[in-house]
Amino acid sequence: MMSCKQMRYCMKKAWKYWIDEKYSGKGYISESLKLMEKTLFHRGHNQICLYIDSANLRSAEVAKRNGYQLSYNADYYYKLLITIK
């Protein structure tokens, strides 16, 4: 579990997304997630952490399909991680 200090640091470097329903399900979020990963890993980051509202099951499924693994489940959010080895 992350400390409050680690959580604040992580939340400062946030990437938020939203997509109009008419574009949903076309892979645009997965495509942008892969581009973000490529950029961050190229810049030396070795782990990306996603915090997703626990009510947003579709977003959590997108993350899981793209290789993220659930590392923490709170009442109000999921924490999913992907690590480059």
Protein backbone atom coordinates (compact mmCIF):
# COMPACT_ATOMS: atom_id res chain seq x y z
CA MET A 1 0.00 0.00 0.00
CA MET A 2 1.21 3.50 -0.83
CA SER A 3 1.89 6.08 1.83
CA CYS A 4 0.01 9.38 1.72
CA LYS A 5 3.18 11.10 0.49
CA GLN A 6 3.59 8.59 -2.37
CA MET A 7 -0.10 8.95 -3.28
CA ARG A 8 0.15 12.76 -3.45
CA TYR A 9 3.25 12.53 -5.66
CA CYS A 10 1.59 10.06 -8.00
CA MET A 11 -1.62 12.08 -8.22
CA LYS A 12 0.35 15.20 -9.27
CA LYS A 13 1.37 13.45 -12.45
CA ALA A 14 -2.12 12.58 -13.59
CA TRP A 15 -3.45 11.76 -17.01
CA LYS A 16 -7.21 11.90 -17.18
CA TYR A 17 -9.33 10.81 -20.09
CA TRP A 18 -12.89 10.84 -21.26
CA ILE A 19 -14.36 9.81 -24.57
CA ASP A 20 -17.71 10.61 -26.14
CA GLU A 21 -20.05 7.62 -26.21
CA LYS A 22 -20.15 7.61 -30.03
CA TYR A 23 -16.39 6.87 -30.08
CA SER A 24 -16.48 4.36 -27.23
CA GLY A 25 -15.43 0.79 -28.00
CA LYS A 26 -13.28 1.71 -31.00
CA GLY A 27 -9.92 1.29 -29.28
CA TYR A 28 -9.01 4.98 -29.03
CA ILE A 29 -8.37 4.87 -25.28
CA SER A 30 -6.21 1.74 -25.62
CA GLU A 31 -4.28 3.42 -28.43
CA SER A 32 -3.65 6.55 -26.38
CA LEU A 33 -2.73 4.47 -23.32
CA LYS A 34 -0.08 2.59 -25.35
CA LEU A 35 1.34 5.90 -26.62
CA MET A 36 1.50 7.26 -23.07
CA GLU A 37 3.27 4.08 -21.91
CA LYS A 38 5.79 4.26 -24.74
CA THR A 39 6.57 7.89 -23.93
CA LEU A 40 6.90 7.38 -20.16
CA PHE A 41 8.98 4.21 -20.45
CA HIS A 42 11.23 5.95 -22.99
CA ARG A 43 11.73 8.76 -20.45
CA GLY A 44 12.94 6.28 -17.85
CA HIS A 45 9.81 5.48 -15.86
CA ASN A 46 9.53 1.79 -15.10
CA GLN A 47 6.02 1.67 -13.68
CA ILE A 48 2.69 3.29 -14.47
CA CYS A 49 -0.11 3.38 -11.94
CA LEU A 50 -3.76 3.95 -12.84
CA TYR A 51 -6.38 5.02 -10.32
CA ILE A 52 -9.86 4.28 -11.62
CA ASP A 53 -13.17 5.01 -9.95
CA SER A 54 -14.52 1.65 -8.77
CA ALA A 55 -17.87 2.43 -10.41
CA ASN A 56 -16.15 2.77 -13.80
CA LEU A 57 -15.96 -0.92 -14.73
CA ARG A 58 -15.43 -0.25 -18.44
CA SER A 59 -12.31 1.79 -17.75
CA ALA A 60 -10.96 -0.91 -15.43
CA GLU A 61 -11.53 -3.51 -18.17
CA VAL A 62 -9.62 -1.38 -20.70
CA ALA A 63 -6.68 -1.23 -18.29
CA LYS A 64 -6.76 -4.99 -17.70
CA ARG A 65 -6.92 -5.73 -21.44
CA ASN A 66 -3.81 -3.59 -21.86
CA GLY A 67 -1.76 -5.54 -19.32
CA TYR A 68 -2.46 -3.66 -16.09
CA GLN A 69 -2.95 -5.75 -12.98
CA LEU A 70 -5.09 -4.89 -9.99
CA SER A 71 -2.85 -4.14 -7.04
CA TYR A 72 -5.32 -2.51 -4.66
CA ASN A 73 -9.09 -2.35 -4.42
CA ALA A 74 -10.63 0.32 -2.20
CA ASP A 75 -14.31 1.11 -1.86
CA TYR A 76 -13.99 4.06 -4.22
CA TYR A 77 -11.11 3.29 -6.58
CA TYR A 78 -9.03 0.58 -8.18
CA LYS A 79 -5.26 0.85 -8.36
CA LEU A 80 -3.84 -0.93 -11.39
CA LEU A 81 -0.15 -1.21 -12.27
CA ILE A 82 1.98 -2.07 -15.24
CA THR A 83 5.73 -2.47 -14.87
CA ILE A 84 8.37 -2.69 -17.57
CA LYS A 85 10.96 -5.30 -16.85
